[in-house]
Structures are given as C-alpha cells and as structure tokens.
C-alpha cells in the first residue's frame, strides 16, 4: 500500500471555494476509476490547514494514475483553479509506505 499525504493552508474566506474544487476533482477521479482523496482537519497545529490523503495498492498504480491525471485537461484545469484558494508555498507532500515487520 502507498499513501499520499498533502497539507495545504487555505486563505481565510476561501474554504468554500477550495472545497468545491476539491469535490469536483474527486468527481472526475471517481468517473475515471482513480483513487479518491479524503480530507482531514488537524485538531491542533496551523490554523486553516487541511490535510488531503489518498491510498493506492502499490507504486505502479499510483504512478499510472498520477500520469493519467497530469495528462487529463479537464482534471488539470480544476487543479489549477484551486491555486487561488491556497497560501502560496504552503503545500507539502509525503508519499508513505507501511514498514515491513522486523526480520
């Protein structure tokens, strides 16, 4: 399994617009058979931050979906439309895999 974790700081007053964009991106992902992202909110920490997570069974599937999404004009138009809602430079990304049991 592979998990992508993204963190974004949303500009105050822009959350509704960001959420609408996020849901539209997930609708396209659903239509294309790609993994959908889930949204989380930290209970403590940076104000107005959202955490977005997605999971894939393996790196090959993750990479195939990432490549397909980058080549999809409709999806990328929505991704770009989300930019005015976030604080520039606030995004961070982690790609995680579970640790194997100790040998």
Protein backbone atom coordinates (compact mmCIF):
# COMPACT_ATOMS: atom_id res chain seq x y z
CA UNK A 1 0.00 0.00 0.00
CA UNK A 2 1.05 3.57 -0.69
CA UNK A 3 -0.39 6.70 0.95
CA UNK A 4 -0.08 10.26 -0.31
CA UNK A 5 -0.45 12.98 2.33
CA UNK A 6 -0.80 16.60 1.23
CA UNK A 7 -1.07 19.62 3.52
CA UNK A 8 -2.42 22.97 2.36
CA UNK A 9 -3.07 26.23 4.15
CA UNK A 10 -6.30 27.73 2.84
CA UNK A 11 -6.63 31.52 2.61
CA UNK A 12 -9.16 32.83 5.14
CA UNK A 13 -12.54 33.23 3.48
CA UNK A 14 -11.65 30.81 0.65
CA UNK A 15 -12.55 27.47 2.20
CA UNK A 16 -15.91 27.09 0.40
CA UNK A 17 -14.26 27.68 -2.98
CA UNK A 18 -11.44 25.28 -2.20
CA UNK A 19 -13.89 22.61 -1.02
CA UNK A 20 -16.00 22.95 -4.17
CA UNK A 21 -12.87 22.49 -6.27
CA UNK A 22 -11.72 19.51 -4.16
CA UNK A 23 -15.09 17.78 -4.60
CA UNK A 24 -15.03 18.43 -8.37
CA UNK A 25 -11.57 16.83 -8.60
CA UNK A 26 -12.83 13.80 -6.68
CA UNK A 27 -15.85 13.53 -9.02
CA UNK A 28 -13.50 13.31 -12.00
CA UNK A 29 -11.31 10.77 -10.18
CA UNK A 30 -14.42 8.69 -9.46
CA UNK A 31 -15.51 8.87 -13.11
CA UNK A 32 -12.05 7.82 -14.32
CA UNK A 33 -11.72 4.99 -11.79
CA UNK A 34 -8.86 6.70 -9.94
CA UNK A 35 -8.40 6.74 -6.18
CA UNK A 36 -10.38 9.48 -4.45
CA UNK A 37 -8.76 11.72 -1.88
CA UNK A 38 -10.13 12.23 1.62
CA UNK A 39 -9.96 15.50 3.51
CA UNK A 40 -8.87 15.78 7.13
CA UNK A 41 -8.59 18.71 9.53
CA UNK A 42 -5.89 18.88 12.21
CA UNK A 43 -7.31 19.24 15.72
CA UNK A 44 -4.28 21.29 16.68
CA UNK A 45 -1.49 22.99 14.78
CA UNK A 46 -1.50 25.52 11.97
CA UNK A 47 -4.73 27.48 11.51
CA UNK A 48 -6.77 26.95 8.33
CA UNK A 49 -4.77 23.91 7.26
CA UNK A 50 -6.33 20.92 5.50
CA UNK A 51 -4.78 17.50 5.09
CA UNK A 52 -5.65 15.51 1.99
CA UNK A 53 -4.92 11.78 1.76
CA UNK A 54 -5.17 9.11 -0.89
CA UNK A 55 -4.22 5.43 -0.96
CA UNK A 56 -3.10 3.08 -3.71
CA UNK A 57 -2.28 -0.64 -3.59
CA UNK A 58 1.25 -0.11 -4.96
CA UNK A 59 3.61 2.39 -6.57
CA UNK A 60 2.83 1.23 -10.12
CA UNK A 61 -0.88 2.03 -9.67
CA UNK A 62 -0.10 5.37 -8.02
CA UNK A 63 2.26 6.36 -10.85
CA UNK A 64 -0.18 5.30 -13.57
CA UNK A 65 -2.98 7.36 -12.02
CA UNK A 66 -0.69 10.34 -11.46
CA UNK A 67 0.47 10.26 -15.09
CA UNK A 68 -3.13 9.92 -16.32
CA UNK A 69 -4.29 12.84 -14.16
CA UNK A 70 -1.46 15.11 -15.38
CA UNK A 71 -2.46 14.31 -18.99
CA UNK A 72 -6.18 14.93 -18.35
CA UNK A 73 -7.02 18.50 -19.41
CA UNK A 74 -10.33 18.62 -17.52
CA UNK A 75 -8.76 17.42 -14.28
CA UNK A 76 -5.73 19.71 -14.54
CA UNK A 77 -7.95 22.71 -15.22
CA UNK A 78 -9.61 22.05 -11.85
CA UNK A 79 -6.28 21.52 -10.10
CA UNK A 80 -5.08 24.89 -11.37
CA UNK A 81 -8.38 26.54 -10.40
CA UNK A 82 -7.68 25.55 -6.78
CA UNK A 83 -4.47 27.59 -6.62
CA UNK A 84 -6.09 30.96 -5.80
CA UNK A 85 -7.56 29.42 -2.63
CA UNK A 86 -4.27 28.32 -1.04
CA UNK A 87 -1.40 30.22 0.51
CA UNK A 88 1.45 30.15 -1.99
CA UNK A 89 4.25 27.86 -0.88
CA UNK A 90 2.19 26.23 1.88
CA UNK A 91 1.75 22.86 0.19
CA UNK A 92 3.69 19.84 1.36
CA UNK A 93 3.59 16.26 0.12
CA UNK A 94 4.57 12.92 1.64
CA UNK A 95 4.46 9.54 -0.05
CA UNK A 96 4.37 6.82 2.59
CA UNK A 97 4.53 3.04 2.62
CA UNK A 98 3.98 0.73 5.55
CA UNK A 99 7.03 -0.64 7.32
CA UNK A 100 7.60 -4.37 6.92
CA UNK A 101 7.68 -6.45 10.09
CA UNK A 102 11.14 -6.69 11.66
CA UNK A 103 13.27 -9.57 10.41
